[in-house]
């Protein structure tokens, strides 16, 4: 059985804007992005993305150099916009209380409790400077709109700007802010809910309700994110007015990602059929596979963002090294049970199988 062609008119608008061949964007991952996966998606004709959360300017410059060496195709660098709600300092007593609540996880991994740091996250201005200095084809942003100065600087050097919305109001605000395209991120998406005009709990619109509303509300290209893992999701998104799709979980589960093997295996297991929205790992609402941390950390024990993210990060790295998925962030979208492939090329081939000009392949079906 061959796949029917997907709608062709709108995807070409996104491809022309970003200089890519197929309307597929790799979702940027905080902590588990890899040069190898980003380059694989870009080389396959899509837009590879690399998440820079936690990277300082030097690390961004180094990573961008590696990306430029790995692919000559367009790629995106992704940054988190400060919302103004971040906790930049914390009294020692409060820090100790939040750290002590997580002590069992440090003990189980043989780690001491961390000491209060000078800062909990990288300097945003320094990140923006380094990202633009790298001259990527695209810079993308979550948790808000980049400033007019940043948008202007990007456009001046030919870099396109993507913003991410979880509601129609956010999409309209991003268009007004000068971004070139908007990612409409539905509640099905794995990872953080990147809302910025209303609390995340009030911004849980599903992808296939959000996309047509955003497409009606803005003139710039719309990229559907959340719930897309195969050609059927692509077809649905395009039929509803999207110009392309952004896919995270399906690529995260491939050998090219920086996710450790135990995490990737879990994404391909029955456990991925259940996801929850939790603040336990970072202090911000995010969707992932539940584990011991998400089940046992009480709401009143969760430090504000980015303190909680910094604290759990001290043991999550060791948990990943040990393959201890019960103590890791297991971000995953609701379409994880649809995953069939373990390398990026096969995922990309599946997503684009019905697009005009792509070689037909056997229709997706459960295995």
Protein backbone atom coordinates (compact mmCIF):
# COMPACT_ATOMS: atom_id res chain seq x y z
CA UNK A 1 0.00 0.00 0.00
CA UNK A 2 1.42 3.41 -0.97
CA UNK A 3 0.74 6.62 0.90
CA UNK A 4 -1.46 9.31 -0.66
CA UNK A 5 0.31 12.64 -1.26
CA UNK A 6 -0.08 15.18 1.53
CA UNK A 7 -1.25 18.75 0.86
CA UNK A 8 1.51 20.51 -1.07
CA UNK A 9 0.81 24.23 -1.22
CA UNK A 10 1.49 25.38 2.33
CA UNK A 11 4.61 23.32 3.16
CA UNK A 12 6.52 25.00 0.33
CA UNK A 13 6.09 28.36 2.12
CA UNK A 14 7.97 27.14 5.19
CA UNK A 15 10.63 25.38 3.13
CA UNK A 16 11.28 28.53 1.13
CA UNK A 17 11.46 30.66 4.28
CA UNK A 18 13.95 28.43 6.10
CA UNK A 19 15.91 27.12 3.12
CA UNK A 20 14.96 23.50 3.75
CA UNK A 21 13.59 20.74 1.52
CA UNK A 22 10.87 19.20 3.71
CA UNK A 23 8.61 20.92 6.27
CA UNK A 24 9.95 19.05 9.30
CA UNK A 25 11.64 20.77 12.24
CA UNK A 26 13.51 18.86 14.93
CA UNK A 27 12.23 19.79 18.39
CA UNK A 28 15.06 21.34 20.44
CA UNK A 29 15.94 19.39 23.59
CA UNK A 30 17.31 20.90 26.75
CA UNK A 31 20.18 18.69 27.88
CA UNK A 32 19.79 15.91 25.31
CA UNK A 33 20.32 17.73 22.03
CA UNK A 34 23.22 16.39 20.02
CA UNK A 35 25.26 17.66 17.10
CA UNK A 36 24.85 14.29 15.45
CA UNK A 37 21.02 14.37 15.52
CA UNK A 38 20.77 18.02 14.56
CA UNK A 39 23.03 17.42 11.56
CA UNK A 40 21.16 14.25 10.58
CA UNK A 41 17.82 16.09 10.36
CA UNK A 42 19.36 19.03 8.52
CA UNK A 43 21.21 16.77 6.09
CA UNK A 44 17.94 14.89 5.50
CA UNK A 45 16.30 18.09 4.28
CA UNK A 46 14.57 19.24 7.46
CA UNK A 47 15.59 21.85 10.02
CA UNK A 48 17.77 20.40 12.74
CA UNK A 49 17.56 22.24 16.08
CA UNK A 50 19.86 22.35 19.09
CA UNK A 51 18.59 23.36 22.55
CA UNK A 52 20.97 25.68 24.40
CA UNK A 53 19.37 25.82 27.85
CA UNK A 54 22.16 25.94 30.44
CA UNK A 55 24.87 26.76 27.90
CA UNK A 56 27.04 29.82 28.49
CA UNK A 57 28.49 31.87 25.65
CA UNK A 58 31.65 29.80 25.34
CA UNK A 59 29.71 26.53 25.19
CA UNK A 60 27.37 27.99 22.56
CA UNK A 61 30.27 29.10 20.38
CA UNK A 62 31.89 25.69 20.66
CA UNK A 63 28.64 23.85 19.88
CA UNK A 64 27.83 26.11 16.93
CA UNK A 65 31.29 25.51 15.48
CA UNK A 66 30.71 21.76 15.75
CA UNK A 67 27.34 22.12 14.02
CA UNK A 68 28.78 24.16 11.18
CA UNK A 69 31.47 21.50 10.74
CA UNK A 70 28.91 18.68 10.83
CA UNK A 71 26.44 20.05 8.29
CA UNK A 72 26.35 22.64 5.56
CA UNK A 73 22.56 22.74 5.72
CA UNK A 74 20.37 25.17 7.73
CA UNK A 75 19.98 24.53 11.45
CA UNK A 76 18.41 26.34 14.40
CA UNK A 77 19.78 27.33 17.79
CA UNK A 78 17.14 27.47 20.52
CA UNK A 79 17.04 29.74 23.58
CA UNK A 80 14.73 30.22 26.58
CA UNK A 81 13.47 33.79 27.00
CA UNK A 82 13.46 34.98 30.64
CA UNK A 83 9.86 35.49 31.76
CA UNK A 84 10.68 37.68 34.73
CA UNK A 85 9.34 35.05 37.12
CA UNK A 86 12.66 33.23 37.54
CA UNK A 87 14.13 33.03 41.04
CA UNK A 88 17.62 34.48 40.75
CA UNK A 89 18.63 34.20 44.42
CA UNK A 90 17.49 32.21 47.43
CA UNK A 91 18.17 32.45 51.19
CA UNK A 92 20.44 29.68 52.47
CA UNK A 93 17.70 28.29 54.73
CA UNK A 94 15.27 27.94 51.83
CA UNK A 95 17.91 26.38 49.61
CA UNK A 96 18.75 23.86 52.35
CA UNK A 97 15.07 22.97 52.79
CA UNK A 98 14.55 22.27 49.09
CA UNK A 99 17.83 20.37 48.81
CA UNK A 100 17.01 18.21 51.84
CA UNK A 101 13.70 17.20 50.27
CA UNK A 102 15.73 15.66 47.44
CA UNK A 103 18.34 14.04 49.70
CA UNK A 104 17.07 10.46 49.15
CA UNK A 105 17.90 10.70 45.45
CA UNK A 106 21.39 12.04 46.11
CA UNK A 107 21.96 9.28 48.68
CA UNK A 108 20.76 6.54 46.33
CA UNK A 109 23.24 7.70 43.69
CA UNK A 110 26.10 8.15 46.14
CA UNK A 111 26.22 11.93 45.83
CA UNK A 112 26.57 14.64 48.49
CA UNK A 113 24.00 17.40 48.72
CA UNK A 114 25.07 20.38 46.57
CA UNK A 115 26.05 23.77 47.94
CA UNK A 116 24.24 27.02 47.16
CA UNK A 117 25.65 28.25 43.81
CA UNK A 118 26.43 31.80 42.73
CA UNK A 119 23.77 31.54 40.01
CA UNK A 120 21.19 29.00 38.86
CA UNK A 121 21.16 29.61 35.12
CA UNK A 122 23.26 31.03 32.31
CA UNK A 123 23.19 34.72 31.40
CA UNK A 124 20.57 35.23 28.69
CA UNK A 125 22.20 38.28 27.11
CA UNK A 126 25.44 36.35 26.74
CA UNK A 127 23.57 33.43 25.21
CA UNK A 128 21.86 35.65 22.63
CA UNK A 129 25.14 37.33 21.72
CA UNK A 130 26.90 34.00 21.18
CA UNK A 131 23.97 32.47 19.28
CA UNK A 132 23.78 35.37 16.84
CA UNK A 133 27.54 35.49 16.50
CA UNK A 134 27.35 31.88 15.27
CA UNK A 135 25.15 33.06 12.38
CA UNK A 136 22.79 30.06 12.25
CA UNK A 137 20.08 29.98 9.60
CA UNK A 138 17.49 30.16 12.39
CA UNK A 139 17.24 31.14 16.04
CA UNK A 140 14.19 29.85 17.87
CA UNK A 141 12.78 30.93 21.20
CA UNK A 142 10.51 29.47 23.88
CA UNK A 143 8.84 31.03 26.92
CA UNK A 144 8.25 34.36 25.21
CA UNK A 145 9.06 36.76 22.43
CA UNK A 146 12.62 37.91 21.82
CA UNK A 147 13.10 41.67 22.10
CA UNK A 148 12.75 43.85 18.98
CA UNK A 149 16.50 44.48 19.18
CA UNK A 150 17.24 40.75 19.03
CA UNK A 151 14.82 40.20 16.14
CA UNK A 152 16.32 43.13 14.25
CA UNK A 153 19.88 41.91 14.83
CA UNK A 154 18.95 38.44 13.58
CA UNK A 155 17.22 39.78 10.49
CA UNK A 156 20.10 42.12 9.73
CA UNK A 157 22.41 39.15 9.26
CA UNK A 158 19.86 36.99 7.45
CA UNK A 159 18.95 34.74 10.39
CA UNK A 160 15.27 33.80 10.60
CA UNK A 161 13.45 33.89 13.94
CA UNK A 162 10.96 31.31 15.24
CA UNK A 163 8.76 31.78 18.31
CA UNK A 164 6.70 29.22 20.20
CA UNK A 165 3.07 29.63 21.27
CA UNK A 166 0.73 27.52 23.38
CA UNK A 167 -2.31 29.75 22.75
CA UNK A 168 -3.68 31.90 19.95
CA UNK A 169 -2.94 35.04 21.99
CA UNK A 170 0.72 34.04 22.26
CA UNK A 171 0.91 33.38 18.51
CA UNK A 172 -0.54 36.82 17.77
CA UNK A 173 1.94 38.43 20.19
CA UNK A 174 4.85 36.63 18.55
CA UNK A 175 3.78 37.76 15.07
CA UNK A 176 3.49 41.33 16.35
CA UNK A 177 7.00 40.93 17.75
CA UNK A 178 8.41 40.26 14.29
CA UNK A 179 9.10 36.51 14.30
CA UNK A 180 9.15 34.84 10.88
CA UNK A 181 7.14 31.74 11.83
CA UNK A 182 5.40 30.41 14.91
CA UNK A 183 5.46 26.93 16.44
CA UNK A 184 1.98 26.08 17.73
CA UNK A 185 2.79 23.75 20.63
CA UNK A 186 -0.15 21.67 21.82
CA UNK A 187 -0.64 20.06 25.21
CA UNK A 188 0.36 16.68 23.75
CA UNK A 189 3.97 17.85 23.42
CA UNK A 190 6.70 16.32 25.52
CA UNK A 191 8.87 18.47 27.75
CA UNK A 192 8.11 21.91 29.11
CA UNK A 193 4.90 23.77 28.50
CA UNK A 194 6.36 27.01 27.17
CA UNK A 195 3.45 29.32 27.99
CA UNK A 196 4.20 32.99 28.67
CA UNK A 197 0.98 35.04 28.62
CA UNK A 198 -0.97 32.86 31.06
CA UNK A 199 -0.05 30.09 33.51
CA UNK A 200 0.82 26.79 31.87
CA UNK A 201 -2.17 25.11 33.54
CA UNK A 202 -4.42 27.57 31.70
CA UNK A 203 -2.70 27.04 28.35
CA UNK A 204 -3.27 23.35 27.68
CA UNK A 205 -4.92 23.53 24.27
CA UNK A 206 -4.49 20.36 22.21
CA UNK A 207 -2.43 20.56 19.03
CA UNK A 208 -5.25 19.78 16.63
CA UNK A 209 -7.52 22.40 18.21
CA UNK A 210 -4.72 24.97 18.45
CA UNK A 211 -3.26 24.73 14.93
CA UNK A 212 -6.30 25.80 12.87
CA UNK A 213 -7.04 28.65 15.28
CA UNK A 214 -3.47 29.92 15.04
CA UNK A 215 -3.47 29.49 11.25
CA UNK A 216 -6.59 31.66 11.10
CA UNK A 217 -5.14 34.29 13.44
CA UNK A 218 -1.69 34.95 11.94
CA UNK A 219 -0.26 35.50 8.47
CA UNK A 220 3.18 33.99 9.11
CA UNK A 221 3.84 30.25 8.65
CA UNK A 222 2.60 27.93 11.39
CA UNK A 223 4.51 24.85 12.55
CA UNK A 224 2.45 22.23 14.41
CA UNK A 225 4.08 20.59 17.44
CA UNK A 226 2.74 17.89 19.72
CA UNK A 227 1.18 14.53 18.86
CA UNK A 228 3.04 14.15 15.54
CA UNK A 229 5.06 10.95 15.20
CA UNK A 230 4.28 9.60 11.73
CA UNK A 231 2.91 10.59 8.34
CA UNK A 232 -0.66 10.58 9.65
CA UNK A 233 0.16 13.36 12.11
CA UNK A 234 1.85 15.32 9.33
CA UNK A 235 -1.19 14.92 7.09
CA UNK A 236 -3.52 16.06 9.88
CA UNK A 237 -1.41 19.10 10.72
CA UNK A 238 -1.17 20.21 7.08
CA UNK A 239 -4.88 19.65 6.52
CA UNK A 240 -5.62 21.93 9.48
CA UNK A 241 -3.58 24.78 8.06
CA UNK A 242 -0.04 24.18 9.34
CA UNK A 243 2.89 24.86 7.03
CA UNK A 244 5.02 22.16 8.66
CA UNK A 245 5.56 20.13 11.80
CA UNK A 246 7.98 20.11 14.69
CA UNK A 247 8.75 16.64 16.02
CA UNK A 248 10.53 15.90 19.28
CA UNK A 249 9.84 12.53 20.89
CA UNK A 250 10.23 10.43 17.73
CA UNK A 251 13.70 11.89 17.15
CA UNK A 252 14.62 11.82 20.84
CA UNK A 253 14.18 8.04 20.75
CA UNK A 254 16.76 7.58 17.99
CA UNK A 255 20.37 6.47 18.31
CA UNK A 256 21.57 9.91 17.17
CA UNK A 257 20.10 11.76 20.16
CA UNK A 258 22.02 12.39 23.35
CA UNK A 259 19.44 10.48 25.40
CA UNK A 260 21.09 7.51 27.13
CA UNK A 261 20.12 4.02 25.89
CA UNK A 262 17.93 3.29 28.94
CA UNK A 263 15.88 6.42 28.23
CA UNK A 264 15.54 5.62 24.52
CA UNK A 265 14.46 2.08 25.33
CA UNK A 266 11.82 3.41 27.72
CA UNK A 267 10.40 5.63 24.97
CA UNK A 268 9.93 2.50 22.86
CA UNK A 269 8.34 0.55 25.74
CA UNK A 270 4.75 0.29 27.01
CA UNK A 271 5.73 2.67 29.85
CA UNK A 272 5.68 5.56 27.37
CA UNK A 273 1.92 5.18 26.95
CA UNK A 274 1.44 7.09 30.21
CA UNK A 275 2.73 10.63 30.59
CA UNK A 276 2.07 13.22 33.29
CA UNK A 277 2.42 16.96 33.67
CA UNK A 278 4.79 17.65 36.54
CA UNK A 279 6.87 20.40 38.14
CA UNK A 280 8.94 17.98 40.21
CA UNK A 281 11.98 18.00 37.95
CA UNK A 282 12.38 21.66 37.06
CA UNK A 283 9.87 23.79 38.90
CA UNK A 284 8.03 24.39 35.62
CA UNK A 285 5.23 22.30 34.18
CA UNK A 286 6.50 19.64 31.80
CA UNK A 287 5.19 16.41 30.24
CA UNK A 288 7.08 13.19 30.77
CA UNK A 289 6.93 9.54 31.74
CA UNK A 290 6.30 9.28 35.50
CA UNK A 291 9.01 7.83 37.73
CA UNK A 292 10.06 7.77 41.38
CA UNK A 293 10.93 11.46 41.44
CA UNK A 294 7.67 12.68 39.92
CA UNK A 295 5.64 10.40 42.19
CA UNK A 296 7.39 11.12 45.47
CA UNK A 297 8.26 14.84 45.51
CA UNK A 298 5.39 16.71 47.15
CA UNK A 299 4.15 19.98 45.69
CA UNK A 300 5.29 21.99 48.72
CA UNK A 301 8.79 20.50 48.39
CA UNK A 302 9.32 21.79 44.84
CA UNK A 303 11.61 24.80 44.60
CA UNK A 304 10.74 27.56 42.14
CA UNK A 305 12.31 27.56 38.69
CA UNK A 306 15.24 27.51 38.00
CA UNK A 307 16.27 26.39 41.49
CA UNK A 308 14.50 23.02 41.24
CA UNK A 309 15.96 22.44 37.80
CA UNK A 310 19.45 23.21 39.07
CA UNK A 311 19.04 20.97 42.13
CA UNK A 312 17.71 17.93 40.29
CA UNK A 313 20.32 18.50 37.60
CA UNK A 314 23.00 17.67 40.19
CA UNK A 315 21.70 14.09 40.43
CA UNK A 316 20.08 13.66 37.01
CA UNK A 317 23.47 13.64 35.28
CA UNK A 318 24.70 10.81 37.50
CA UNK A 319 21.41 8.96 37.11
CA UNK A 320 21.82 9.12 33.33
CA UNK A 321 25.39 7.83 33.62
CA UNK A 322 24.10 4.90 35.69
CA UNK A 323 21.07 4.30 33.45
CA UNK A 324 18.77 4.96 36.41
CA UNK A 325 15.59 6.12 34.66
CA UNK A 326 13.75 6.44 37.98
CA UNK A 327 15.88 9.50 38.77
CA UNK A 328 16.02 11.18 35.35
CA UNK A 329 13.86 13.63 33.44
CA UNK A 330 11.92 11.42 31.05
CA UNK A 331 10.31 13.99 28.80
CA UNK A 332 7.96 12.41 26.28
CA UNK A 333 4.93 13.43 24.24
CA UNK A 334 1.60 11.64 24.08
CA UNK A 335 2.36 10.17 20.65
CA UNK A 336 5.21 8.02 22.03
CA UNK A 337 3.26 4.75 21.56
CA UNK A 338 3.42 5.42 17.80
CA UNK A 339 7.22 5.25 17.70
CA UNK A 340 8.53 2.59 15.32
CA UNK A 341 12.03 3.69 14.30
CA UNK A 342 15.38 3.94 16.05
CA UNK A 343 17.40 6.10 13.67
CA UNK A 344 16.81 9.64 12.47
CA UNK A 345 16.79 8.86 8.75
CA UNK A 346 13.96 6.36 9.16
CA UNK A 347 11.94 8.78 11.30
CA UNK A 348 12.36 11.51 8.69
CA UNK A 349 11.44 9.10 5.89
CA UNK A 350 8.26 8.13 7.72
CA UNK A 351 7.25 11.72 8.43
CA UNK A 352 7.74 12.78 4.80
CA UNK A 353 6.57 9.59 3.09
CA UNK A 354 3.41 11.12 1.67
CA UNK A 355 4.85 14.45 0.60
CA UNK A 356 5.04 15.10 -3.16
CA UNK A 357 8.36 14.03 -4.59
CA UNK A 358 9.16 11.63 -1.75
CA UNK A 359 9.51 7.93 -2.47
CA UNK A 360 6.42 5.99 -1.30
CA UNK A 361 6.98 3.50 1.48
CA UNK A 362 4.79 0.97 3.23
CA UNK A 363 2.09 2.62 5.33
CA UNK A 364 2.77 2.95 9.03
CA UNK A 365 1.20 0.22 11.14
CA UNK A 366 1.72 -1.22 14.64
CA UNK A 367 4.44 -3.84 14.92
